[in-house]
Amino acid sequence: MAEETGKIKKYALVTGGSRGIGRAISLKLAEAGYFVLINFQRNQVEADKTVALIAENGGEAATLKFDISDKADIEKTLGGWVAANKDKSIEVLVNNGGIRKDNLMMMMPESDWEGVLRTNLDSFFYITRILVPGMMFKRFGRIINIVSLSGIKGMPGQTNYSASKAGVIGATKALAQEVGRRGVTVNAIAPGFIKTEMTEGIDEARFKALIPMQRFGEANEVAELVAFLASKGSSYITGEVINVNGGLYT
């Protein structure tokens, strides 16, 4: 895919791409031939580690630091990258970055409601709005939103998180209808219990009893689906929410 060989690089952006599911997705997309832009906000060390892992496997990647909860930072950094790289186009966007601030609603501070909605839902709008015009112009694009079982089922103690992910699910279905005729697909993946830092505080022995497969999932199992949805082979799949949860009833 290198430019020096005369071929055009394909670019993918993975928000929250430095660790956990985001890292697995970044590695898998690089393996598929994409130059991966790895978004992160704070942990430069982990972001650089992901770039190094991709390079070790023969892929290409770079970091792109911006706060996905900050509209101005998104527009300055991501918008600036797009403006400065007119000869390049991001054809795959994985909206993976997100946060949780769990609490019962009656005890939830407004800051936790607003922060989770801003990070998980508003970021989808501001980031996607910058990139979707280029995809439509090229008549090819893949927008893949990482949502959650919580956005489908609703989880006690996660009113804010469930609302944010349910909002992205609705937006996925609507946007898919707006851009489908231009060769752009929009899908969502709803992981269940996946072994990452976000599930470290969860009692695995207790919850895996609810899962037909009797185990938590691995980040790479989500990444495999992302790679398929990013490929040309998925061109007739859009507006879908695909569960990756080991058969957990939703």
C-alpha atoms as a PDB file:
ATOM      1  CA  MET A   1       0.000   0.000   0.000  1.00  0.00           C
ATOM      2  CA  ALA A   2       3.001   2.310   0.232  1.00  0.00           C
ATOM      3  CA  GLU A   3       2.978   5.434  -1.909  1.00  0.00           C
ATOM      4  CA  GLU A   4       6.488   4.764  -3.142  1.00  0.00           C
ATOM      5  CA  THR A   5       5.211   1.648  -4.926  1.00  0.00           C
ATOM      6  CA  GLY A   6       2.751   3.794  -6.856  1.00  0.00           C
ATOM      7  CA  LYS A   7      -0.281   2.551  -4.950  1.00  0.00           C
ATOM      8  CA  ILE A   8      -2.600   4.830  -2.996  1.00  0.00           C
ATOM      9  CA  LYS A   9      -2.746   4.375   0.752  1.00  0.00           C
ATOM     10  CA  LYS A  10      -6.086   3.601   2.311  1.00  0.00           C
ATOM     11  CA  TYR A  11      -6.694   5.420   5.587  1.00  0.00           C
ATOM     12  CA  ALA A  12      -8.746   4.386   8.594  1.00  0.00           C
ATOM     13  CA  LEU A  13      -9.415   6.351  11.784  1.00  0.00           C
ATOM     14  CA  VAL A  14     -10.044   4.508  15.044  1.00  0.00           C
ATOM     15  CA  THR A  15     -11.098   6.685  17.965  1.00  0.00           C
ATOM     16  CA  GLY A  16      -9.878   5.415  21.303  1.00  0.00           C
ATOM     17  CA  GLY A  17      -7.527   3.251  19.283  1.00  0.00           C
ATOM     18  CA  SER A  18      -4.623   2.944  21.702  1.00  0.00           C
ATOM     19  CA  ARG A  19      -5.866   0.223  24.062  1.00  0.00           C
ATOM     20  CA  GLY A  20      -8.353  -2.598  24.520  1.00  0.00           C
ATOM     21  CA  ILE A  21     -10.863  -3.130  21.746  1.00  0.00           C
ATOM     22  CA  GLY A  22      -9.519  -0.057  19.949  1.00  0.00           C
ATOM     23  CA  ARG A  23      -6.013  -1.493  19.815  1.00  0.00           C
ATOM     24  CA  ALA A  24      -7.272  -4.833  18.505  1.00  0.00           C
ATOM     25  CA  ILE A  25      -9.266  -3.006  15.814  1.00  0.00           C
ATOM     26  CA  SER A  26      -6.277  -0.871  14.847  1.00  0.00           C
ATOM     27  CA  LEU A  27      -4.065  -3.942  14.480  1.00  0.00           C
ATOM     28  CA  LYS A  28      -6.663  -5.781  12.414  1.00  0.00           C
ATOM     29  CA  LEU A  29      -7.281  -2.852  10.037  1.00  0.00           C
ATOM     30  CA  ALA A  30      -3.535  -2.406   9.549  1.00  0.00           C
ATOM     31  CA  GLU A  31      -3.337  -6.101   8.727  1.00  0.00           C
ATOM     32  CA  ALA A  32      -6.037  -5.493   6.103  1.00  0.00           C
ATOM     33  CA  GLY A  33      -3.832  -2.884   4.428  1.00  0.00           C
ATOM     34  CA  TYR A  34      -5.005   0.360   5.994  1.00  0.00           C
ATOM     35  CA  PHE A  35      -2.810   3.173   7.221  1.00  0.00           C
ATOM     36  CA  VAL A  36      -4.390   3.543  10.649  1.00  0.00           C
ATOM     37  CA  LEU A  37      -4.792   6.876  12.394  1.00  0.00           C
ATOM     38  CA  ILE A  38      -4.936   6.044  16.087  1.00  0.00           C
ATOM     39  CA  ASN A  39      -6.852   8.616  18.077  1.00  0.00           C
ATOM     40  CA  PHE A  40      -6.147   9.016  21.765  1.00  0.00           C
ATOM     41  CA  GLN A  41      -6.514  11.739  24.353  1.00  0.00           C
ATOM     42  CA  ARG A  42      -4.066  11.192  27.214  1.00  0.00           C
ATOM     43  CA  ASN A  43      -1.963   8.032  27.084  1.00  0.00           C
ATOM     44  CA  GLN A  44       0.762   8.750  24.543  1.00  0.00           C
ATOM     45  CA  VAL A  45       2.761   5.732  25.727  1.00  0.00           C
ATOM     46  CA  GLU A  46      -0.016   3.249  24.902  1.00  0.00           C
ATOM     47  CA  ALA A  47      -0.790   4.997  21.610  1.00  0.00           C
ATOM     48  CA  ASP A  48       2.864   4.793  20.587  1.00  0.00           C
ATOM     49  CA  LYS A  49       2.912   1.143  21.643  1.00  0.00           C
ATOM     50  CA  THR A  50       0.008   0.422  19.290  1.00  0.00           C
ATOM     51  CA  VAL A  51       1.836   2.143  16.434  1.00  0.00           C
ATOM     52  CA  ALA A  52       4.926   0.066  17.215  1.00  0.00           C
ATOM     53  CA  LEU A  53       2.919  -3.180  17.273  1.00  0.00           C
ATOM     54  CA  ILE A  54       1.479  -2.343  13.866  1.00  0.00           C
ATOM     55  CA  ALA A  55       4.939  -1.555  12.493  1.00  0.00           C
ATOM     56  CA  GLU A  56       6.291  -4.856  13.851  1.00  0.00           C
ATOM     57  CA  ASN A  57       3.611  -6.630  11.815  1.00  0.00           C
ATOM     58  CA  GLY A  58       4.547  -4.750   8.652  1.00  0.00           C
ATOM     59  CA  GLY A  59       1.723  -2.193   8.805  1.00  0.00           C
ATOM     60  CA  GLU A  60       1.611   1.587   8.965  1.00  0.00           C
ATOM     61  CA  ALA A  61       0.042   3.842  11.550  1.00  0.00           C
ATOM     62  CA  ALA A  62       0.293   7.233  13.216  1.00  0.00           C
ATOM     63  CA  THR A  63      -1.264   8.826  16.260  1.00  0.00           C
ATOM     64  CA  LEU A  64      -3.809  11.625  16.106  1.00  0.00           C
ATOM     65  CA  LYS A  65      -4.338  13.189  19.499  1.00  0.00           C
ATOM     66  CA  PHE A  66      -7.633  14.950  20.194  1.00  0.00           C
ATOM     67  CA  ASP A  67     -10.375  14.915  22.805  1.00  0.00           C
ATOM     68  CA  ILE A  68     -13.466  13.284  21.290  1.00  0.00           C
ATOM     69  CA  SER A  69     -15.661  15.025  23.871  1.00  0.00           C
ATOM     70  CA  ASP A  70     -14.481  18.467  22.723  1.00  0.00           C
ATOM     71  CA  LYS A  71     -16.116  19.814  19.555  1.00  0.00           C
ATOM     72  CA  ALA A  72     -13.473  22.507  19.102  1.00  0.00           C
ATOM     73  CA  ASP A  73     -10.605  20.029  19.428  1.00  0.00           C
ATOM     74  CA  ILE A  74     -12.268  17.654  16.950  1.00  0.00           C
ATOM     75  CA  GLU A  75     -12.738  20.420  14.412  1.00  0.00           C
ATOM     76  CA  LYS A  76      -9.237  21.820  14.902  1.00  0.00           C
ATOM     77  CA  THR A  77      -7.318  18.536  14.878  1.00  0.00           C
ATOM     78  CA  LEU A  78      -9.326  16.168  12.710  1.00  0.00           C
ATOM     79  CA  GLY A  79     -10.679  18.958  10.527  1.00  0.00           C
ATOM     80  CA  GLY A  80      -7.126  20.274  10.235  1.00  0.00           C
ATOM     81  CA  TRP A  81      -5.823  16.866   9.168  1.00  0.00           C
ATOM     82  CA  VAL A  82      -8.465  16.608   6.456  1.00  0.00           C
ATOM     83  CA  ALA A  83      -7.736  20.137   5.214  1.00  0.00           C
ATOM     84  CA  ALA A  84      -3.984  19.497   5.158  1.00  0.00           C
ATOM     85  CA  ASN A  85      -4.293  16.152   3.370  1.00  0.00           C
ATOM     86  CA  LYS A  86      -6.446  16.832   0.342  1.00  0.00           C
ATOM     87  CA  ASP A  87      -4.729  14.004  -1.535  1.00  0.00           C
ATOM     88  CA  LYS A  88      -5.671  11.476   1.156  1.00  0.00           C
ATOM     89  CA  SER A  89      -9.027  10.238   2.347  1.00  0.00           C
ATOM     90  CA  ILE A  90     -10.203   8.384   5.403  1.00  0.00           C
ATOM     91  CA  GLU A  91     -12.489   5.701   4.009  1.00  0.00           C
ATOM     92  CA  VAL A  92     -13.031   3.758   7.234  1.00  0.00           C
ATOM     93  CA  LEU A  93     -14.153   5.410  10.469  1.00  0.00           C
ATOM     94  CA  VAL A  94     -14.482   3.374  13.646  1.00  0.00           C
ATOM     95  CA  ASN A  95     -16.209   5.359  16.385  1.00  0.00           C
ATOM     96  CA  ASN A  96     -14.860   3.306  19.260  1.00  0.00           C
ATOM     97  CA  GLY A  97     -13.845   5.813  21.925  1.00  0.00           C
ATOM     98  CA  GLY A  98     -16.087   6.122  24.955  1.00  0.00           C
ATOM     99  CA  ILE A  99     -16.334   6.309  28.726  1.00  0.00           C
ATOM    100  CA  ARG A 100     -18.498   4.985  31.551  1.00  0.00           C
ATOM    101  CA  LYS A 101     -19.476   6.795  34.741  1.00  0.00           C
ATOM    102  CA  ASP A 102     -21.858   4.377  36.445  1.00  0.00           C
ATOM    103  CA  ASN A 103     -24.293   5.414  39.131  1.00  0.00           C
ATOM    104  CA  LEU A 104     -27.972   5.183  39.977  1.00  0.00           C
ATOM    105  CA  MET A 105     -29.795   7.949  38.133  1.00  0.00           C
ATOM    106  CA  MET A 106     -31.181   9.530  41.302  1.00  0.00           C
ATOM    107  CA  MET A 107     -27.605   9.873  42.595  1.00  0.00           C
ATOM    108  CA  MET A 108     -25.981  10.807  39.289  1.00  0.00           C
ATOM    109  CA  PRO A 109     -24.352  14.244  39.109  1.00  0.00           C
ATOM    110  CA  GLU A 110     -25.194  16.284  36.033  1.00  0.00           C
ATOM    111  CA  SER A 111     -21.525  16.286  35.074  1.00  0.00           C
ATOM    112  CA  ASP A 112     -21.562  12.480  34.735  1.00  0.00           C
ATOM    113  CA  TRP A 113     -24.655  12.573  32.543  1.00  0.00           C
ATOM    114  CA  GLU A 114     -23.313  15.348  30.342  1.00  0.00           C
ATOM    115  CA  GLY A 115     -19.773  13.953  30.154  1.00  0.00           C
ATOM    116  CA  VAL A 116     -20.847  10.493  29.030  1.00  0.00           C
ATOM    117  CA  LEU A 117     -23.320  11.833  26.449  1.00  0.00           C
ATOM    118  CA  ARG A 118     -20.753  14.284  25.137  1.00  0.00           C
ATOM    119  CA  THR A 119     -18.013  11.649  24.859  1.00  0.00           C
ATOM    120  CA  ASN A 120     -20.061   8.725  23.553  1.00  0.00           C
ATOM    121  CA  LEU A 121     -22.813  10.365  21.494  1.00  0.00           C
ATOM    122  CA  ASP A 122     -21.833  13.907  20.538  1.00  0.00           C
ATOM    123  CA  SER A 123     -18.441  12.660  19.333  1.00  0.00           C
ATOM    124  CA  PHE A 124     -20.176  10.411  16.802  1.00  0.00           C
ATOM    125  CA  PHE A 125     -21.891  13.448  15.302  1.00  0.00           C
ATOM    126  CA  TYR A 126     -18.937  15.834  15.176  1.00  0.00           C
ATOM    127  CA  ILE A 127     -16.368  13.293  13.958  1.00  0.00           C
ATOM    128  CA  THR A 128     -18.601  11.604  11.404  1.00  0.00           C
ATOM    129  CA  ARG A 129     -19.847  14.914  10.021  1.00  0.00           C
ATOM    130  CA  ILE A 130     -16.273  15.866   9.108  1.00  0.00           C
ATOM    131  CA  LEU A 131     -15.485  12.611   7.301  1.00  0.00           C
ATOM    132  CA  VAL A 132     -18.713  11.531   5.622  1.00  0.00           C
ATOM    133  CA  PRO A 133     -18.605  14.136   2.805  1.00  0.00           C
ATOM    134  CA  GLY A 134     -15.285  12.722   1.573  1.00  0.00           C
ATOM    135  CA  MET A 135     -16.661   9.190   1.657  1.00  0.00           C
ATOM    136  CA  MET A 136     -19.713  10.229  -0.347  1.00  0.00           C
ATOM    137  CA  PHE A 137     -17.554  12.041  -2.883  1.00  0.00           C
ATOM    138  CA  LYS A 138     -15.408   8.925  -3.350  1.00  0.00           C
ATOM    139  CA  ARG A 139     -18.555   6.738  -3.424  1.00  0.00           C
ATOM    140  CA  PHE A 140     -17.048   4.421  -0.844  1.00  0.00           C
ATOM    141  CA  GLY A 141     -16.957   4.548   2.901  1.00  0.00           C
ATOM    142  CA  ARG A 142     -17.372   2.452   6.012  1.00  0.00           C
ATOM    143  CA  ILE A 143     -18.633   3.893   9.285  1.00  0.00           C
ATOM    144  CA  ILE A 144     -18.557   1.392  12.131  1.00  0.00           C
ATOM    145  CA  ASN A 145     -19.860   2.421  15.528  1.00  0.00           C
ATOM    146  CA  ILE A 146     -18.936   0.450  18.624  1.00  0.00           C
ATOM    147  CA  VAL A 147     -21.999   0.540  20.839  1.00  0.00           C
ATOM    148  CA  SER A 148     -22.914  -1.833  23.666  1.00  0.00           C
ATOM    149  CA  LEU A 149     -25.280  -4.380  25.069  1.00  0.00           C
ATOM    150  CA  SER A 150     -26.277  -1.535  27.413  1.00  0.00           C
ATOM    151  CA  GLY A 151     -27.596   0.485  24.488  1.00  0.00           C
ATOM    152  CA  ILE A 152     -29.895  -2.378  23.460  1.00  0.00           C
ATOM    153  CA  LYS A 153     -30.986  -3.851  26.770  1.00  0.00           C
ATOM    154  CA  GLY A 154     -30.439  -0.948  29.154  1.00  0.00           C
ATOM    155  CA  MET A 155     -28.472  -1.645  32.318  1.00  0.00           C
ATOM    156  CA  PRO A 156     -29.235  -0.467  35.857  1.00  0.00           C
ATOM    157  CA  GLY A 157     -26.626   1.962  37.072  1.00  0.00           C
ATOM    158  CA  GLN A 158     -25.838   2.946  33.490  1.00  0.00           C
ATOM    159  CA  THR A 159     -28.653   5.305  32.549  1.00  0.00           C
ATOM    160  CA  ASN A 160     -26.178   7.731  31.017  1.00  0.00           C
ATOM    161  CA  TYR A 161     -24.125   5.052  29.248  1.00  0.00           C
ATOM    162  CA  SER A 162     -27.202   3.186  28.006  1.00  0.00           C
ATOM    163  CA  ALA A 163     -28.728   6.433  26.707  1.00  0.00           C
ATOM    164  CA  SER A 164     -25.529   7.393  24.873  1.00  0.00           C
ATOM    165  CA  LYS A 165     -25.156   4.019  23.174  1.00  0.00           C
ATOM    166  CA  ALA A 166     -28.862   3.792  22.316  1.00  0.00           C
ATOM    167  CA  GLY A 167     -28.517   7.225  20.725  1.00  0.00           C
ATOM    168  CA  VAL A 168     -25.671   6.030  18.518  1.00  0.00           C
ATOM    169  CA  ILE A 169     -27.743   2.991  17.509  1.00  0.00           C
ATOM    170  CA  GLY A 170     -30.578   5.241  16.350  1.00  0.00           C
ATOM    171  CA  ALA A 171     -28.156   7.523  14.541  1.00  0.00           C
ATOM    172  CA  THR A 172     -26.556   4.507  12.834  1.00  0.00           C
ATOM    173  CA  LYS A 173     -29.889   3.417  11.378  1.00  0.00           C
ATOM    174  CA  ALA A 174     -30.794   6.931  10.238  1.00  0.00           C
ATOM    175  CA  LEU A 175     -27.436   7.816   8.678  1.00  0.00           C
ATOM    176  CA  ALA A 176     -27.315   4.493   6.827  1.00  0.00           C
ATOM    177  CA  GLN A 177     -30.432   5.564   4.936  1.00  0.00           C
ATOM    178  CA  GLU A 178     -28.984   8.962   4.107  1.00  0.00           C
ATOM    179  CA  VAL A 179     -25.704   7.798   2.577  1.00  0.00           C
ATOM    180  CA  GLY A 180     -26.350   4.297   1.241  1.00  0.00           C
ATOM    181  CA  ARG A 181     -26.878   5.373  -2.360  1.00  0.00           C
ATOM    182  CA  ARG A 182     -23.347   6.785  -2.405  1.00  0.00           C
ATOM    183  CA  GLY A 183     -21.689   3.494  -1.481  1.00  0.00           C
ATOM    184  CA  VAL A 184     -21.248   4.354   2.198  1.00  0.00           C
ATOM    185  CA  THR A 185     -22.346   1.814   4.792  1.00  0.00           C
ATOM    186  CA  VAL A 186     -23.050   2.549   8.448  1.00  0.00           C
ATOM    187  CA  ASN A 187     -23.223  -0.250  10.977  1.00  0.00           C
ATOM    188  CA  ALA A 188     -22.925  -0.757  14.708  1.00  0.00           C
ATOM    189  CA  ILE A 189     -21.322  -3.509  16.733  1.00  0.00           C
ATOM    190  CA  ALA A 190     -22.650  -4.170  20.218  1.00  0.00           C
ATOM    191  CA  PRO A 191     -20.099  -6.049  22.326  1.00  0.00           C
ATOM    192  CA  GLY A 192     -21.235  -7.843  25.440  1.00  0.00           C
ATOM    193  CA  PHE A 193     -18.685  -8.644  28.136  1.00  0.00           C
ATOM    194  CA  ILE A 194     -15.251  -8.316  26.514  1.00  0.00           C
ATOM    195  CA  LYS A 195     -12.005  -8.647  28.437  1.00  0.00           C
ATOM    196  CA  THR A 196     -10.641  -5.095  28.535  1.00  0.00           C
ATOM    197  CA  GLU A 197      -9.797  -2.470  31.131  1.00  0.00           C
ATOM    198  CA  MET A 198     -13.457  -1.432  31.132  1.00  0.00           C
ATOM    199  CA  THR A 199     -14.521  -4.847  32.445  1.00  0.00           C
ATOM    200  CA  GLU A 200     -11.711  -5.327  34.960  1.00  0.00           C
ATOM    201  CA  GLY A 201     -13.987  -4.381  37.866  1.00  0.00           C
ATOM    202  CA  ILE A 202     -16.730  -6.828  36.843  1.00  0.00           C
ATOM    203  CA  ASP A 203     -17.115 -10.176  38.608  1.00  0.00           C
ATOM    204  CA  GLU A 204     -16.458 -12.482  35.647  1.00  0.00           C
ATOM    205  CA  ALA A 205     -17.418 -15.657  37.520  1.00  0.00           C
ATOM    206  CA  ARG A 206     -20.828 -14.197  38.296  1.00  0.00           C
ATOM    207  CA  PHE A 207     -21.662 -12.780  34.892  1.00  0.00           C
ATOM    208  CA  LYS A 208     -20.292 -15.517  32.657  1.00  0.00           C
ATOM    209  CA  ALA A 209     -22.962 -17.819  34.107  1.00  0.00           C
ATOM    210  CA  LEU A 210     -25.481 -15.676  32.179  1.00  0.00           C
ATOM    211  CA  ILE A 211     -23.650 -16.189  28.880  1.00  0.00           C
ATOM    212  CA  PRO A 212     -24.435 -19.315  26.845  1.00  0.00           C
ATOM    213  CA  MET A 213     -20.788 -19.601  25.790  1.00  0.00           C
ATOM    214  CA  GLN A 214     -19.776 -19.397  29.476  1.00  0.00           C
ATOM    215  CA  ARG A 215     -16.959 -16.905  28.951  1.00  0.00           C
ATOM    216  CA  PHE A 216     -16.137 -13.278  28.322  1.00  0.00           C
ATOM    217  CA  GLY A 217     -15.159 -12.356  24.785  1.00  0.00           C
ATOM    218  CA  GLU A 218     -11.769 -11.270  23.504  1.00  0.00           C
ATOM    219  CA  ALA A 219     -11.080  -7.892  21.899  1.00  0.00           C
ATOM    220  CA  ASN A 220      -9.872  -9.596  18.736  1.00  0.00           C
ATOM    221  CA  GLU A 221     -13.294 -11.201  18.280  1.00  0.00           C
ATOM    222  CA  VAL A 222     -14.775  -7.722  17.933  1.00  0.00           C
ATOM    223  CA  ALA A 223     -11.921  -6.626  15.673  1.00  0.00           C
ATOM    224  CA  GLU A 224     -12.558  -9.492  13.255  1.00  0.00           C
ATOM    225  CA  LEU A 225     -16.098  -8.235  12.678  1.00  0.00           C
ATOM    226  CA  VAL A 226     -14.875  -4.665  12.224  1.00  0.00           C
ATOM    227  CA  ALA A 227     -12.462  -5.852   9.532  1.00  0.00           C
ATOM    228  CA  PHE A 228     -15.273  -7.597   7.681  1.00  0.00           C
ATOM    229  CA  LEU A 229     -17.602  -4.592   7.879  1.00  0.00           C
ATOM    230  CA  ALA A 230     -14.749  -2.413   6.600  1.00  0.00           C
ATOM    231  CA  SER A 231     -14.226  -4.643   3.580  1.00  0.00           C
ATOM    232  CA  LYS A 232     -15.849  -4.524   0.158  1.00  0.00           C
ATOM    233  CA  GLY A 233     -17.374  -7.904   0.958  1.00  0.00           C
ATOM    234  CA  SER A 234     -19.810  -6.230   3.350  1.00  0.00           C
ATOM    235  CA  SER A 235     -21.135  -3.781   0.739  1.00  0.00           C
ATOM    236  CA  TYR A 236     -24.795  -4.856   1.049  1.00  0.00           C
ATOM    237  CA  ILE A 237     -24.890  -4.705   4.849  1.00  0.00           C
ATOM    238  CA  THR A 238     -25.905  -1.365   6.330  1.00  0.00           C
ATOM    239  CA  GLY A 239     -28.006   0.027   9.152  1.00  0.00           C
ATOM    240  CA  GLU A 240     -27.375  -3.101  11.215  1.00  0.00           C
ATOM    241  CA  VAL A 241     -26.569  -3.606  14.879  1.00  0.00           C
ATOM    242  CA  ILE A 242     -24.578  -6.818  15.299  1.00  0.00           C
ATOM    243  CA  ASN A 243     -24.157  -8.346  18.742  1.00  0.00           C
ATOM    244  CA  VAL A 244     -20.870  -9.894  19.802  1.00  0.00           C
ATOM    245  CA  ASN A 245     -21.871 -11.289  23.163  1.00  0.00           C
ATOM    246  CA  GLY A 246     -21.578 -15.070  23.236  1.00  0.00           C
ATOM    247  CA  GLY A 247     -25.328 -15.529  22.873  1.00  0.00           C
ATOM    248  CA  LEU A 248     -26.301 -13.349  25.845  1.00  0.00           C
ATOM    249  CA  TYR A 249     -30.028 -12.658  25.629  1.00  0.00           C
ATOM    250  CA  THR A 250     -30.781  -9.016  24.880  1.00  0.00           C
END
